[in-house]
């Protein structure tokens, strides 16, 4: 059975770094053929949500499902490291 993933990506507007993080996340999910739901939180529009989640740097990716939760910070450029950290199965 395919594992389902729930991600929340915190960004600050449409900056190049935020866009790279989104593109890289989609790339790693495509490469590892994972089924996922992605919620994008723009902290410029929803600062209270970032505060509630204790987001200190942008971009930040939270893996909410499956447990255990994981948090990655940065543009997610190292696809293999991202896959390892998120425990994506090939």
PDB file of N, CA and C in Angstrom:
ATOM      1  N   UNK A   1       0.829  -1.202   0.000  1.00  0.00           N
ATOM      2  CA  UNK A   1       0.000   0.000   0.000  1.00  0.00           C
ATOM      3  C   UNK A   1       0.869   1.261   0.000  1.00  0.00           C
ATOM      4  N   UNK A   2       0.427   2.260  -0.730  1.00  0.00           N
ATOM      5  CA  UNK A   2       1.173   3.505  -0.844  1.00  0.00           C
ATOM      6  C   UNK A   2       1.003   4.353   0.415  1.00  0.00           C
ATOM      7  N   UNK A   3       2.095   4.889   0.902  1.00  0.00           N
ATOM      8  CA  UNK A   3       2.064   5.761   2.067  1.00  0.00           C
ATOM      9  C   UNK A   3       1.580   7.141   1.650  1.00  0.00           C
ATOM     10  N   UNK A   4       0.716   7.725   2.456  1.00  0.00           N
ATOM     11  CA  UNK A   4       0.184   9.060   2.216  1.00  0.00           C
ATOM     12  C   UNK A   4       0.944  10.052   3.088  1.00  0.00           C
ATOM     13  N   UNK A   5       1.335  11.176   2.507  1.00  0.00           N
ATOM     14  CA  UNK A   5       2.086  12.201   3.223  1.00  0.00           C
ATOM     15  C   UNK A   5       1.279  13.493   3.283  1.00  0.00           C
ATOM     16  N   UNK A   6       1.383  14.186   4.413  1.00  0.00           N
ATOM     17  CA  UNK A   6       0.790  15.515   4.560  1.00  0.00           C
ATOM     18  C   UNK A   6       1.919  16.475   4.902  1.00  0.00           C
ATOM     19  N   UNK A   7       2.093  17.486   4.041  1.00  0.00           N
ATOM     20  CA  UNK A   7       3.150  18.480   4.213  1.00  0.00           C
ATOM     21  C   UNK A   7       2.535  19.856   4.406  1.00  0.00           C
ATOM     22  N   UNK A   8       3.264  20.693   5.146  1.00  0.00           N
ATOM     23  CA  UNK A   8       2.916  22.108   5.294  1.00  0.00           C
ATOM     24  C   UNK A   8       4.199  22.879   5.013  1.00  0.00           C
ATOM     25  N   UNK A   9       4.156  23.737   3.984  1.00  0.00           N
ATOM     26  CA  UNK A   9       5.325  24.514   3.582  1.00  0.00           C
ATOM     27  C   UNK A   9       5.088  25.969   3.947  1.00  0.00           C
ATOM     28  N   UNK A  10       5.952  26.500   4.798  1.00  0.00           N
ATOM     29  CA  UNK A  10       5.875  27.901   5.208  1.00  0.00           C
ATOM     30  C   UNK A  10       6.810  28.712   4.324  1.00  0.00           C
ATOM     31  N   UNK A  11       6.263  29.734   3.675  1.00  0.00           N
ATOM     32  CA  UNK A  11       7.039  30.608   2.791  1.00  0.00           C
ATOM     33  C   UNK A  11       6.750  32.064   3.168  1.00  0.00           C
ATOM     34  N   UNK A  12       7.528  32.978   2.604  1.00  0.00           N
ATOM     35  CA  UNK A  12       7.303  34.411   2.812  1.00  0.00           C
ATOM     36  C   UNK A  12       7.184  35.066   1.444  1.00  0.00           C
ATOM     37  N   UNK A  13       5.984  35.069   0.892  1.00  0.00           N
ATOM     38  CA  UNK A  13       5.777  35.645  -0.431  1.00  0.00           C
ATOM     39  C   UNK A  13       6.331  34.765  -1.535  1.00  0.00           C
ATOM     40  N   UNK A  14       6.397  35.329  -2.717  1.00  0.00           N
ATOM     41  CA  UNK A  14       6.837  34.573  -3.894  1.00  0.00           C
ATOM     42  C   UNK A  14       8.319  34.815  -4.179  1.00  0.00           C
ATOM     43  N   UNK A  15       9.159  34.594  -3.172  1.00  0.00           N
ATOM     44  CA  UNK A  15      10.594  34.805  -3.354  1.00  0.00           C
ATOM     45  C   UNK A  15      11.191  33.641  -4.140  1.00  0.00           C
ATOM     46  N   UNK A  16      12.339  33.850  -4.777  1.00  0.00           N
ATOM     47  CA  UNK A  16      12.989  32.748  -5.500  1.00  0.00           C
ATOM     48  C   UNK A  16      13.263  31.545  -4.595  1.00  0.00           C
ATOM     49  N   UNK A  17      13.686  31.781  -3.359  1.00  0.00           N
ATOM     50  CA  UNK A  17      13.985  30.683  -2.425  1.00  0.00           C
ATOM     51  C   UNK A  17      12.720  29.895  -2.083  1.00  0.00           C
ATOM     52  N   UNK A  18      11.621  30.595  -1.869  1.00  0.00           N
ATOM     53  CA  UNK A  18      10.350  29.921  -1.582  1.00  0.00           C
ATOM     54  C   UNK A  18       9.896  29.100  -2.786  1.00  0.00           C
ATOM     55  N   UNK A  19      10.042  29.665  -3.972  1.00  0.00           N
ATOM     56  CA  UNK A  19       9.641  28.949  -5.187  1.00  0.00           C
ATOM     57  C   UNK A  19      10.512  27.714  -5.408  1.00  0.00           C
ATOM     58  N   UNK A  20      11.824  27.822  -5.120  1.00  0.00           N
ATOM     59  CA  UNK A  20      12.723  26.671  -5.254  1.00  0.00           C
ATOM     60  C   UNK A  20      12.322  25.562  -4.295  1.00  0.00           C
ATOM     61  N   UNK A  21      11.963  25.938  -3.073  1.00  0.00           N
ATOM     62  CA  UNK A  21      11.545  24.925  -2.093  1.00  0.00           C
ATOM     63  C   UNK A  21      10.317  24.175  -2.596  1.00  0.00           C
ATOM     64  N   UNK A  22       9.360  24.888  -3.151  1.00  0.00           N
ATOM     65  CA  UNK A  22       8.145  24.268  -3.674  1.00  0.00           C
ATOM     66  C   UNK A  22       8.466  23.351  -4.855  1.00  0.00           C
ATOM     67  N   UNK A  23       9.270  23.836  -5.774  1.00  0.00           N
ATOM     68  CA  UNK A  23       9.655  23.030  -6.943  1.00  0.00           C
ATOM     69  C   UNK A  23      10.426  21.790  -6.506  1.00  0.00           C
ATOM     70  N   UNK A  24      11.363  21.954  -5.565  1.00  0.00           N
ATOM     71  CA  UNK A  24      12.168  20.818  -5.105  1.00  0.00           C
ATOM     72  C   UNK A  24      11.320  19.791  -4.360  1.00  0.00           C
ATOM     73  N   UNK A  25      10.363  20.252  -3.559  1.00  0.00           N
ATOM     74  CA  UNK A  25       9.480  19.313  -2.862  1.00  0.00           C
ATOM     75  C   UNK A  25       8.670  18.509  -3.874  1.00  0.00           C
ATOM     76  N   UNK A  26       8.119  19.176  -4.873  1.00  0.00           N
ATOM     77  CA  UNK A  26       7.342  18.460  -5.897  1.00  0.00           C
ATOM     78  C   UNK A  26       8.229  17.474  -6.653  1.00  0.00           C
ATOM     79  N   UNK A  27       9.465  17.883  -6.905  1.00  0.00           N
ATOM     80  CA  UNK A  27      10.402  17.012  -7.628  1.00  0.00           C
ATOM     81  C   UNK A  27      10.692  15.741  -6.824  1.00  0.00           C
ATOM     82  N   UNK A  28      10.992  15.887  -5.537  1.00  0.00           N
ATOM     83  CA  UNK A  28      11.305  14.706  -4.724  1.00  0.00           C
ATOM     84  C   UNK A  28      10.079  13.809  -4.587  1.00  0.00           C
ATOM     85  N   UNK A  29       8.888  14.403  -4.470  1.00  0.00           N
ATOM     86  CA  UNK A  29       7.670  13.583  -4.372  1.00  0.00           C
ATOM     87  C   UNK A  29       7.387  12.855  -5.680  1.00  0.00           C
ATOM     88  N   UNK A  30       7.650  13.506  -6.805  1.00  0.00           N
ATOM     89  CA  UNK A  30       7.482  12.836  -8.100  1.00  0.00           C
ATOM     90  C   UNK A  30       8.493  11.703  -8.248  1.00  0.00           C
ATOM     91  N   UNK A  31       9.736  11.976  -7.887  1.00  0.00           N
ATOM     92  CA  UNK A  31      10.790  10.975  -8.022  1.00  0.00           C
ATOM     93  C   UNK A  31      10.483   9.729  -7.185  1.00  0.00           C
ATOM     94  N   UNK A  32       9.969   9.932  -5.985  1.00  0.00           N
ATOM     95  CA  UNK A  32       9.684   8.807  -5.095  1.00  0.00           C
ATOM     96  C   UNK A  32       8.225   8.373  -5.157  1.00  0.00           C
ATOM     97  N   UNK A  33       7.498   8.938  -6.112  1.00  0.00           N
ATOM     98  CA  UNK A  33       6.105   8.564  -6.381  1.00  0.00           C
ATOM     99  C   UNK A  33       5.272   8.517  -5.108  1.00  0.00           C
ATOM    100  N   UNK A  34       5.382   9.573  -4.310  1.00  0.00           N
ATOM    101  CA  UNK A  34       4.601   9.582  -3.080  1.00  0.00           C
ATOM    102  C   UNK A  34       3.313  10.373  -3.287  1.00  0.00           C
ATOM    103  N   UNK A  35       2.278   9.871  -2.667  1.00  0.00           N
ATOM    104  CA  UNK A  35       0.989  10.539  -2.700  1.00  0.00           C
ATOM    105  C   UNK A  35       0.981  11.522  -1.536  1.00  0.00           C
ATOM    106  N   UNK A  36       0.669  12.788  -1.835  1.00  0.00           N
ATOM    107  CA  UNK A  36       0.794  13.793  -0.778  1.00  0.00           C
ATOM    108  C   UNK A  36      -0.242  14.897  -0.909  1.00  0.00           C
ATOM    109  N   UNK A  37      -0.468  15.525   0.223  1.00  0.00           N
ATOM    110  CA  UNK A  37      -1.275  16.737   0.280  1.00  0.00           C
ATOM    111  C   UNK A  37      -0.343  17.830   0.775  1.00  0.00           C
ATOM    112  N   UNK A  38      -0.383  18.978   0.117  1.00  0.00           N
ATOM    113  CA  UNK A  38       0.507  20.077   0.462  1.00  0.00           C
ATOM    114  C   UNK A  38      -0.312  21.307   0.810  1.00  0.00           C
ATOM    115  N   UNK A  39      -0.067  21.842   1.996  1.00  0.00           N
ATOM    116  CA  UNK A  39      -0.660  23.113   2.407  1.00  0.00           C
ATOM    117  C   UNK A  39       0.458  24.137   2.404  1.00  0.00           C
ATOM    118  N   UNK A  40       0.239  25.238   1.689  1.00  0.00           N
ATOM    119  CA  UNK A  40       1.238  26.304   1.647  1.00  0.00           C
ATOM    120  C   UNK A  40       0.750  27.439   2.544  1.00  0.00           C
ATOM    121  N   UNK A  41       1.610  27.841   3.473  1.00  0.00           N
ATOM    122  CA  UNK A  41       1.285  28.927   4.388  1.00  0.00           C
ATOM    123  C   UNK A  41       2.241  30.079   4.105  1.00  0.00           C
ATOM    124  N   UNK A  42       1.689  31.187   3.602  1.00  0.00           N
ATOM    125  CA  UNK A  42       2.484  32.391   3.374  1.00  0.00           C
ATOM    126  C   UNK A  42       2.464  33.189   4.679  1.00  0.00           C
ATOM    127  N   UNK A  43       3.612  33.288   5.328  1.00  0.00           N
ATOM    128  CA  UNK A  43       3.632  33.936   6.636  1.00  0.00           C
ATOM    129  C   UNK A  43       3.395  35.442   6.548  1.00  0.00           C
ATOM    130  N   UNK A  44       3.524  36.014   5.355  1.00  0.00           N
ATOM    131  CA  UNK A  44       3.194  37.432   5.199  1.00  0.00           C
ATOM    132  C   UNK A  44       1.684  37.633   5.307  1.00  0.00           C
ATOM    133  N   UNK A  45       0.929  36.633   4.874  1.00  0.00           N
ATOM    134  CA  UNK A  45      -0.528  36.694   4.946  1.00  0.00           C
ATOM    135  C   UNK A  45      -1.063  36.101   6.238  1.00  0.00           C
ATOM    136  N   UNK A  46      -0.349  35.133   6.830  1.00  0.00           N
ATOM    137  CA  UNK A  46      -0.797  34.431   8.039  1.00  0.00           C
ATOM    138  C   UNK A  46       0.313  34.357   9.084  1.00  0.00           C
ATOM    139  N   UNK A  47       0.762  35.498   9.600  1.00  0.00           N
ATOM    140  CA  UNK A  47       1.869  35.453  10.572  1.00  0.00           C
ATOM    141  C   UNK A  47       1.508  34.697  11.846  1.00  0.00           C
ATOM    142  N   UNK A  48       0.234  34.703  12.220  1.00  0.00           N
ATOM    143  CA  UNK A  48      -0.165  34.007  13.445  1.00  0.00           C
ATOM    144  C   UNK A  48       0.012  32.493  13.310  1.00  0.00           C
ATOM    145  N   UNK A  49      -0.170  31.968  12.106  1.00  0.00           N
ATOM    146  CA  UNK A  49       0.015  30.531  11.895  1.00  0.00           C
ATOM    147  C   UNK A  49       1.486  30.140  12.026  1.00  0.00           C
ATOM    148  N   UNK A  50       2.362  30.980  11.505  1.00  0.00           N
ATOM    149  CA  UNK A  50       3.800  30.725  11.642  1.00  0.00           C
ATOM    150  C   UNK A  50       4.216  30.810  13.110  1.00  0.00           C
ATOM    151  N   UNK A  51       3.671  31.761  13.838  1.00  0.00           N
ATOM    152  CA  UNK A  51       3.997  31.898  15.263  1.00  0.00           C
ATOM    153  C   UNK A  51       3.511  30.684  16.040  1.00  0.00           C
ATOM    154  N   UNK A  52       2.298  30.241  15.723  1.00  0.00           N
ATOM    155  CA  UNK A  52       1.729  29.080  16.414  1.00  0.00           C
ATOM    156  C   UNK A  52       2.582  27.829  16.173  1.00  0.00           C
ATOM    157  N   UNK A  53       3.126  27.693  14.962  1.00  0.00           N
ATOM    158  CA  UNK A  53       3.950  26.527  14.606  1.00  0.00           C
ATOM    159  C   UNK A  53       5.418  26.719  14.999  1.00  0.00           C
ATOM    160  N   UNK A  54       5.740  27.877  15.559  1.00  0.00           N
ATOM    161  CA  UNK A  54       7.120  28.181  15.972  1.00  0.00           C
ATOM    162  C   UNK A  54       8.104  28.112  14.803  1.00  0.00           C
ATOM    163  N   UNK A  55       7.694  28.678  13.677  1.00  0.00           N
ATOM    164  CA  UNK A  55       8.554  28.744  12.492  1.00  0.00           C
ATOM    165  C   UNK A  55       9.541  29.894  12.684  1.00  0.00           C
ATOM    166  N   UNK A  56      10.825  29.575  12.618  1.00  0.00           N
ATOM    167  CA  UNK A  56      11.872  30.570  12.853  1.00  0.00           C
ATOM    168  C   UNK A  56      12.621  30.959  11.584  1.00  0.00           C
ATOM    169  N   UNK A  57      12.515  30.166  10.538  1.00  0.00           N
ATOM    170  CA  UNK A  57      13.224  30.433   9.290  1.00  0.00           C
ATOM    171  C   UNK A  57      12.312  30.054   8.125  1.00  0.00           C
ATOM    172  N   UNK A  58      12.576  30.687   6.984  1.00  0.00           N
ATOM    173  CA  UNK A  58      11.757  30.466   5.788  1.00  0.00           C
ATOM    174  C   UNK A  58      12.686  30.117   4.644  1.00  0.00           C
ATOM    175  N   UNK A  59      12.329  29.167   3.794  1.00  0.00           N
ATOM    176  CA  UNK A  59      11.169  28.281   3.881  1.00  0.00           C
ATOM    177  C   UNK A  59      11.364  27.157   4.899  1.00  0.00           C
ATOM    178  N   UNK A  60      10.272  26.727   5.483  1.00  0.00           N
ATOM    179  CA  UNK A  60      10.242  25.602   6.416  1.00  0.00           C
ATOM    180  C   UNK A  60       9.208  24.602   5.940  1.00  0.00           C
ATOM    181  N   UNK A  61       9.595  23.339   5.905  1.00  0.00           N
ATOM    182  CA  UNK A  61       8.674  22.266   5.521  1.00  0.00           C
ATOM    183  C   UNK A  61       8.409  21.392   6.731  1.00  0.00           C
ATOM    184  N   UNK A  62       7.142  21.215   7.070  1.00  0.00           N
ATOM    185  CA  UNK A  62       6.747  20.277   8.114  1.00  0.00           C
ATOM    186  C   UNK A  62       6.093  19.068   7.467  1.00  0.00           C
ATOM    187  N   UNK A  63       6.556  17.881   7.848  1.00  0.00           N
ATOM    188  CA  UNK A  63       5.866  16.639   7.464  1.00  0.00           C
ATOM    189  C   UNK A  63       4.974  16.296   8.643  1.00  0.00           C
ATOM    190  N   UNK A  64       3.671  16.316   8.419  1.00  0.00           N
ATOM    191  CA  UNK A  64       2.716  16.055   9.492  1.00  0.00           C
ATOM    192  C   UNK A  64       2.281  14.600   9.526  1.00  0.00           C
ATOM    193  N   UNK A  65       2.202  13.971   8.383  1.00  0.00           N
ATOM    194  CA  UNK A  65       1.843  12.558   8.274  1.00  0.00           C
ATOM    195  C   UNK A  65       2.760  11.918   7.253  1.00  0.00           C
ATOM    196  N   UNK A  66       3.120  10.658   7.422  1.00  0.00           N
ATOM    197  CA  UNK A  66       2.883   9.814   8.592  1.00  0.00           C
ATOM    198  C   UNK A  66       3.798  10.227   9.733  1.00  0.00           C
ATOM    199  N   UNK A  67       3.449   9.777  10.926  1.00  0.00           N
ATOM    200  CA  UNK A  67       4.275  10.056  12.094  1.00  0.00           C
ATOM    201  C   UNK A  67       5.579   9.283  11.992  1.00  0.00           C
ATOM    202  N   UNK A  68       6.677   9.719  12.546  1.00  0.00           N
ATOM    203  CA  UNK A  68       6.803  10.915  13.366  1.00  0.00           C
ATOM    204  C   UNK A  68       6.908  12.170  12.502  1.00  0.00           C
ATOM    205  N   UNK A  69       6.498  13.309  13.053  1.00  0.00           N
ATOM    206  CA  UNK A  69       6.617  14.560  12.290  1.00  0.00           C
ATOM    207  C   UNK A  69       8.084  14.913  12.082  1.00  0.00           C
ATOM    208  N   UNK A  70       8.357  15.625  11.002  1.00  0.00           N
ATOM    209  CA  UNK A  70       9.722  16.072  10.694  1.00  0.00           C
ATOM    210  C   UNK A  70       9.649  17.516  10.241  1.00  0.00           C
ATOM    211  N   UNK A  71      10.727  18.249  10.452  1.00  0.00           N
ATOM    212  CA  UNK A  71      10.811  19.636   9.996  1.00  0.00           C
ATOM    213  C   UNK A  71      12.126  19.823   9.255  1.00  0.00           C
ATOM    214  N   UNK A  72      12.024  20.378   8.040  1.00  0.00           N
ATOM    215  CA  UNK A  72      13.201  20.699   7.229  1.00  0.00           C
ATOM    216  C   UNK A  72      13.188  22.192   6.936  1.00  0.00           C
ATOM    217  N   UNK A  73      14.352  22.805   6.959  1.00  0.00           N
ATOM    218  CA  UNK A  73      14.471  24.238   6.705  1.00  0.00           C
ATOM    219  C   UNK A  73      15.372  24.444   5.504  1.00  0.00           C
ATOM    220  N   UNK A  74      14.959  25.344   4.610  1.00  0.00           N
ATOM    221  CA  UNK A  74      15.772  25.667   3.438  1.00  0.00           C
ATOM    222  C   UNK A  74      15.028  25.374   2.153  1.00  0.00           C
ATOM    223  N   UNK A  75      15.739  25.458   1.039  1.00  0.00           N
ATOM    224  CA  UNK A  75      15.084  25.314  -0.265  1.00  0.00           C
ATOM    225  C   UNK A  75      14.982  23.863  -0.742  1.00  0.00           C
ATOM    226  N   UNK A  76      15.382  22.914   0.102  1.00  0.00           N
ATOM    227  CA  UNK A  76      15.215  21.481  -0.180  1.00  0.00           C
ATOM    228  C   UNK A  76      15.978  21.045  -1.432  1.00  0.00           C
ATOM    229  N   UNK A  77      17.111  21.671  -1.700  1.00  0.00           N
ATOM    230  CA  UNK A  77      17.850  21.420  -2.938  1.00  0.00           C
ATOM    231  C   UNK A  77      18.491  20.033  -3.003  1.00  0.00           C
ATOM    232  N   UNK A  78      18.820  19.440  -1.854  1.00  0.00           N
ATOM    233  CA  UNK A  78      19.464  18.125  -1.856  1.00  0.00           C
ATOM    234  C   UNK A  78      18.372  17.052  -1.804  1.00  0.00           C
ATOM    235  N   UNK A  79      17.946  16.618  -2.982  1.00  0.00           N
ATOM    236  CA  UNK A  79      16.789  15.723  -3.122  1.00  0.00           C
ATOM    237  C   UNK A  79      16.970  14.429  -2.321  1.00  0.00           C
ATOM    238  N   UNK A  80      18.161  13.856  -2.377  1.00  0.00           N
ATOM    239  CA  UNK A  80      18.399  12.599  -1.665  1.00  0.00           C
ATOM    240  C   UNK A  80      18.314  12.790  -0.154  1.00  0.00           C
ATOM    241  N   UNK A  81      18.878  13.885   0.337  1.00  0.00           N
ATOM    242  CA  UNK A  81      18.824  14.167   1.777  1.00  0.00           C
ATOM    243  C   UNK A  81      17.382  14.422   2.218  1.00  0.00           C
ATOM    244  N   UNK A  82      16.629  15.141   1.407  1.00  0.00           N
ATOM    245  CA  UNK A  82      15.216  15.406   1.719  1.00  0.00           C
ATOM    246  C   UNK A  82      14.448  14.085   1.790  1.00  0.00           C
ATOM    247  N   UNK A  83      14.674  13.215   0.817  1.00  0.00           N
ATOM    248  CA  UNK A  83      13.991  11.914   0.798  1.00  0.00           C
ATOM    249  C   UNK A  83      14.332  11.106   2.047  1.00  0.00           C
ATOM    250  N   UNK A  84      15.606  11.122   2.433  1.00  0.00           N
ATOM    251  CA  UNK A  84      16.022  10.406   3.644  1.00  0.00           C
ATOM    252  C   UNK A  84      15.357  10.992   4.886  1.00  0.00           C
ATOM    253  N   UNK A  85      15.395  12.314   5.020  1.00  0.00           N
ATOM    254  CA  UNK A  85      14.836  12.969   6.198  1.00  0.00           C
ATOM    255  C   UNK A  85      13.329  12.765   6.316  1.00  0.00           C
ATOM    256  N   UNK A  86      12.655  12.725   5.177  1.00  0.00           N
ATOM    257  CA  UNK A  86      11.197  12.552   5.188  1.00  0.00           C
ATOM    258  C   UNK A  86      10.802  11.068   5.191  1.00  0.00           C
ATOM    259  N   UNK A  87      11.817  10.209   5.090  1.00  0.00           N
ATOM    260  CA  UNK A  87      11.593   8.768   5.077  1.00  0.00           C
ATOM    261  C   UNK A  87      10.685   8.346   3.916  1.00  0.00           C
ATOM    262  N   UNK A  88      10.978   8.898   2.734  1.00  0.00           N
ATOM    263  CA  UNK A  88      10.204   8.539   1.541  1.00  0.00           C
ATOM    264  C   UNK A  88      10.664   7.184   1.038  1.00  0.00           C
ATOM    265  N   UNK A  89       9.742   6.367   0.650  1.00  0.00           N
ATOM    266  CA  UNK A  89      10.050   5.024   0.160  1.00  0.00           C
ATOM    267  C   UNK A  89      10.103   5.035  -1.360  1.00  0.00           C
ATOM    268  N   UNK A  90      11.068   4.327  -1.926  1.00  0.00           N
ATOM    269  CA  UNK A  90      11.129   4.232  -3.392  1.00  0.00           C
ATOM    270  C   UNK A  90      10.506   2.938  -3.848  1.00  0.00           C
TER     271      UNK A  90
END
